[in-house]
Amino acid sequence: MPEISRFFGIVIGMYYKKHGVPHFHAKYAGQTGVFSIADLKLIEGLLPKRVIGLVLEWAFEHRAELLDNWELAKAKKPLQDIPPLE
């Protein structure tokens, strides 16, 4: 899974092969969550509430960039890095 951002021990990435609803993955301490881009909510997996809050805060700030990367992933093109949450 190509990594597009990393902050506070959270790794954000997108797969090239997965299709369906636009989404991204967040990994933290061996746990993984899948978040929809359209409505910014956890749709699969389990993460600590604090981590979910940080991921959603970051995603809200970078929704347009996430959608751009989704289109790149569908086209099997290199993804762009997105700045971390500070």
N, C-alpha and C. Protein backbone atom coordinates (compact mmCIF):
# COMPACT_ATOMS: atom_id res chain seq x y z
N MET A 1 0.85 -1.18 0.00
CA MET A 1 0.00 0.00 0.00
C MET A 1 0.89 1.23 0.00
N PRO A 2 0.78 2.06 -1.01
CA PRO A 2 1.57 3.30 -1.03
C PRO A 2 1.19 4.24 0.12
N GLU A 3 2.20 4.70 0.82
CA GLU A 3 2.01 5.64 1.92
C GLU A 3 1.90 7.05 1.36
N ILE A 4 0.88 7.80 1.83
CA ILE A 4 0.72 9.18 1.36
C ILE A 4 0.93 10.19 2.48
N SER A 5 0.88 9.73 3.74
CA SER A 5 1.14 10.64 4.86
C SER A 5 1.45 9.82 6.10
N ARG A 6 2.11 10.49 7.06
CA ARG A 6 2.45 9.84 8.34
C ARG A 6 2.50 10.93 9.41
N PHE A 7 1.82 10.68 10.52
CA PHE A 7 1.85 11.63 11.64
C PHE A 7 1.44 10.91 12.92
N PHE A 8 2.08 11.27 14.02
CA PHE A 8 1.77 10.74 15.35
C PHE A 8 1.69 9.21 15.38
N GLY A 9 2.54 8.55 14.60
CA GLY A 9 2.54 7.09 14.56
C GLY A 9 1.46 6.49 13.68
N ILE A 10 0.71 7.32 12.99
CA ILE A 10 -0.37 6.88 12.10
C ILE A 10 0.14 6.92 10.67
N VAL A 11 -0.06 5.84 9.92
CA VAL A 11 0.36 5.78 8.53
C VAL A 11 -0.91 5.77 7.67
N ILE A 12 -0.97 6.69 6.71
CA ILE A 12 -2.11 6.81 5.81
C ILE A 12 -1.68 6.31 4.44
N GLY A 13 -2.52 5.49 3.82
CA GLY A 13 -2.19 4.97 2.49
C GLY A 13 -3.42 4.67 1.67
N MET A 14 -3.18 4.38 0.39
CA MET A 14 -4.23 3.98 -0.54
C MET A 14 -3.72 2.83 -1.37
N TYR A 15 -4.62 1.91 -1.68
CA TYR A 15 -4.29 0.79 -2.54
C TYR A 15 -4.64 1.13 -3.99
N TYR A 16 -3.86 0.59 -4.90
CA TYR A 16 -4.16 0.76 -6.32
C TYR A 16 -5.23 -0.23 -6.79
N LYS A 17 -5.31 -1.39 -6.20
CA LYS A 17 -6.17 -2.44 -6.72
C LYS A 17 -7.60 -2.37 -6.21
N LYS A 18 -7.83 -1.76 -5.06
CA LYS A 18 -9.18 -1.71 -4.52
C LYS A 18 -10.01 -0.67 -5.27
N HIS A 19 -11.27 -1.02 -5.47
CA HIS A 19 -12.19 -0.09 -6.14
C HIS A 19 -13.40 0.10 -5.24
N GLY A 20 -14.43 0.68 -5.78
CA GLY A 20 -15.62 0.93 -4.98
C GLY A 20 -15.63 2.36 -4.50
N VAL A 21 -16.17 2.56 -3.32
CA VAL A 21 -16.30 3.90 -2.76
C VAL A 21 -14.91 4.48 -2.51
N PRO A 22 -14.69 5.76 -2.83
CA PRO A 22 -13.38 6.38 -2.55
C PRO A 22 -13.05 6.30 -1.06
N HIS A 23 -11.87 5.77 -0.74
CA HIS A 23 -11.50 5.57 0.64
C HIS A 23 -9.98 5.56 0.80
N PHE A 24 -9.54 5.61 2.05
CA PHE A 24 -8.13 5.49 2.37
C PHE A 24 -7.99 4.64 3.63
N HIS A 25 -6.78 4.18 3.88
CA HIS A 25 -6.49 3.31 5.01
C HIS A 25 -5.62 4.05 6.01
N ALA A 26 -5.86 3.79 7.29
CA ALA A 26 -5.02 4.33 8.36
C ALA A 26 -4.56 3.16 9.21
N LYS A 27 -3.24 3.11 9.46
CA LYS A 27 -2.67 2.06 10.29
C LYS A 27 -2.05 2.68 11.53
N TYR A 28 -2.28 2.03 12.67
CA TYR A 28 -1.73 2.51 13.93
C TYR A 28 -1.58 1.34 14.88
N ALA A 29 -0.38 1.12 15.37
CA ALA A 29 -0.11 0.09 16.39
C ALA A 29 -0.70 -1.27 16.03
N GLY A 30 -0.53 -1.67 14.78
CA GLY A 30 -0.99 -2.98 14.35
C GLY A 30 -2.47 -3.05 14.02
N GLN A 31 -3.19 -1.96 14.13
CA GLN A 31 -4.61 -1.92 13.80
C GLN A 31 -4.80 -1.11 12.52
N THR A 32 -5.85 -1.44 11.78
CA THR A 32 -6.13 -0.74 10.53
C THR A 32 -7.58 -0.31 10.48
N GLY A 33 -7.80 0.88 9.93
CA GLY A 33 -9.14 1.38 9.69
C GLY A 33 -9.25 1.87 8.26
N VAL A 34 -10.43 1.74 7.70
CA VAL A 34 -10.72 2.24 6.36
C VAL A 34 -11.73 3.37 6.51
N PHE A 35 -11.42 4.51 5.87
CA PHE A 35 -12.25 5.70 5.98
C PHE A 35 -12.77 6.10 4.62
N SER A 36 -14.06 6.41 4.53
CA SER A 36 -14.61 6.94 3.28
C SER A 36 -14.18 8.39 3.15
N ILE A 37 -13.92 8.80 1.93
CA ILE A 37 -13.51 10.18 1.68
C ILE A 37 -14.74 11.08 1.59
N ALA A 38 -15.81 10.60 1.00
CA ALA A 38 -16.99 11.43 0.78
C ALA A 38 -17.61 11.94 2.07
N ASP A 39 -17.80 11.05 3.04
CA ASP A 39 -18.45 11.50 4.27
C ASP A 39 -17.54 11.44 5.49
N LEU A 40 -16.28 11.16 5.28
CA LEU A 40 -15.27 11.15 6.34
C LEU A 40 -15.73 10.40 7.58
N LYS A 41 -15.89 9.09 7.40
CA LYS A 41 -16.22 8.25 8.55
C LYS A 41 -15.52 6.91 8.40
N LEU A 42 -15.31 6.26 9.54
CA LEU A 42 -14.71 4.94 9.57
C LEU A 42 -15.72 3.94 9.03
N ILE A 43 -15.36 3.21 7.98
CA ILE A 43 -16.30 2.26 7.38
C ILE A 43 -15.88 0.80 7.59
N GLU A 44 -14.66 0.61 8.08
CA GLU A 44 -14.18 -0.76 8.31
C GLU A 44 -13.00 -0.72 9.27
N GLY A 45 -12.87 -1.72 10.10
CA GLY A 45 -11.73 -1.81 10.98
C GLY A 45 -11.99 -1.24 12.36
N LEU A 46 -10.90 -1.21 13.14
CA LEU A 46 -11.00 -0.76 14.52
C LEU A 46 -9.73 0.00 14.89
N LEU A 47 -9.90 1.20 15.35
CA LEU A 47 -8.79 2.04 15.81
C LEU A 47 -9.21 2.73 17.11
N PRO A 48 -8.24 3.12 17.93
CA PRO A 48 -8.59 3.88 19.14
C PRO A 48 -9.32 5.19 18.78
N LYS A 49 -10.25 5.61 19.63
CA LYS A 49 -11.04 6.82 19.35
C LYS A 49 -10.16 8.04 19.11
N ARG A 50 -9.09 8.17 19.88
CA ARG A 50 -8.18 9.32 19.70
C ARG A 50 -7.56 9.30 18.31
N VAL A 51 -7.19 8.13 17.82
CA VAL A 51 -6.59 8.00 16.49
C VAL A 51 -7.63 8.33 15.42
N ILE A 52 -8.84 7.84 15.60
CA ILE A 52 -9.91 8.16 14.64
C ILE A 52 -10.10 9.66 14.56
N GLY A 53 -10.11 10.34 15.70
CA GLY A 53 -10.26 11.79 15.72
C GLY A 53 -9.14 12.50 14.98
N LEU A 54 -7.91 12.06 15.18
CA LEU A 54 -6.77 12.67 14.48
C LEU A 54 -6.85 12.43 12.98
N VAL A 55 -7.20 11.21 12.59
CA VAL A 55 -7.31 10.89 11.16
C VAL A 55 -8.39 11.74 10.52
N LEU A 56 -9.53 11.86 11.18
CA LEU A 56 -10.62 12.65 10.61
C LEU A 56 -10.27 14.14 10.54
N GLU A 57 -9.59 14.64 11.54
CA GLU A 57 -9.13 16.04 11.50
C GLU A 57 -8.22 16.26 10.30
N TRP A 58 -7.27 15.35 10.10
CA TRP A 58 -6.34 15.44 8.97
C TRP A 58 -7.10 15.33 7.64
N ALA A 59 -8.00 14.36 7.55
CA ALA A 59 -8.73 14.13 6.30
C ALA A 59 -9.61 15.31 5.93
N PHE A 60 -10.22 15.95 6.92
CA PHE A 60 -11.05 17.12 6.65
C PHE A 60 -10.23 18.22 5.99
N GLU A 61 -9.00 18.40 6.47
CA GLU A 61 -8.11 19.42 5.90
C GLU A 61 -7.62 19.08 4.51
N HIS A 62 -7.62 17.79 4.16
CA HIS A 62 -7.00 17.36 2.90
C HIS A 62 -7.95 16.54 2.01
N ARG A 63 -9.23 16.77 2.14
CA ARG A 63 -10.21 15.98 1.36
C ARG A 63 -9.97 16.09 -0.14
N ALA A 64 -9.72 17.28 -0.65
CA ALA A 64 -9.50 17.44 -2.10
C ALA A 64 -8.27 16.66 -2.56
N GLU A 65 -7.21 16.70 -1.76
CA GLU A 65 -6.00 15.96 -2.11
C GLU A 65 -6.24 14.45 -2.06
N LEU A 66 -7.05 14.01 -1.12
CA LEU A 66 -7.40 12.59 -1.05
C LEU A 66 -8.17 12.16 -2.29
N LEU A 67 -9.11 12.98 -2.73
CA LEU A 67 -9.86 12.66 -3.94
C LEU A 67 -8.96 12.65 -5.17
N ASP A 68 -8.02 13.60 -5.23
CA ASP A 68 -7.05 13.60 -6.34
C ASP A 68 -6.24 12.31 -6.34
N ASN A 69 -5.78 11.89 -5.17
CA ASN A 69 -5.01 10.65 -5.08
C ASN A 69 -5.86 9.44 -5.44
N TRP A 70 -7.14 9.46 -5.09
CA TRP A 70 -8.03 8.36 -5.45
C TRP A 70 -8.08 8.20 -6.97
N GLU A 71 -8.19 9.32 -7.67
CA GLU A 71 -8.21 9.26 -9.14
C GLU A 71 -6.88 8.75 -9.68
N LEU A 72 -5.77 9.17 -9.08
CA LEU A 72 -4.45 8.68 -9.50
C LEU A 72 -4.35 7.17 -9.26
N ALA A 73 -4.83 6.71 -8.11
CA ALA A 73 -4.77 5.28 -7.80
C ALA A 73 -5.59 4.47 -8.79
N LYS A 74 -6.77 4.95 -9.14
CA LYS A 74 -7.60 4.24 -10.12
C LYS A 74 -6.90 4.16 -11.46
N ALA A 75 -6.13 5.19 -11.80
CA ALA A 75 -5.39 5.22 -13.07
C ALA A 75 -4.03 4.53 -12.95
N LYS A 76 -3.75 3.97 -11.76
CA LYS A 76 -2.48 3.29 -11.49
C LYS A 76 -1.27 4.20 -11.73
N LYS A 77 -1.44 5.46 -11.30
CA LYS A 77 -0.36 6.45 -11.40
C LYS A 77 0.20 6.70 -10.00
N PRO A 78 1.42 7.19 -9.90
CA PRO A 78 2.01 7.46 -8.58
C PRO A 78 1.16 8.45 -7.79
N LEU A 79 1.04 8.17 -6.50
CA LEU A 79 0.27 9.03 -5.61
C LEU A 79 1.12 10.18 -5.10
N GLN A 80 0.46 11.26 -4.75
CA GLN A 80 1.14 12.44 -4.22
C GLN A 80 1.13 12.39 -2.69
N ASP A 81 2.25 12.78 -2.08
CA ASP A 81 2.30 12.89 -0.63
C ASP A 81 1.38 14.02 -0.17
N ILE A 82 0.78 13.83 1.00
CA ILE A 82 -0.08 14.84 1.60
C ILE A 82 0.57 15.24 2.93
N PRO A 83 0.64 16.53 3.21
CA PRO A 83 1.29 16.96 4.46
C PRO A 83 0.65 16.33 5.68
N PRO A 84 1.45 16.07 6.70
CA PRO A 84 0.91 15.46 7.93
C PRO A 84 0.14 16.47 8.77
N LEU A 85 -0.58 15.94 9.73
CA LEU A 85 -1.25 16.76 10.73
C LEU A 85 -0.19 17.30 11.66
N GLU A 86 -0.27 18.58 11.96
CA GLU A 86 0.74 19.19 12.84
C GLU A 86 0.15 19.58 14.16
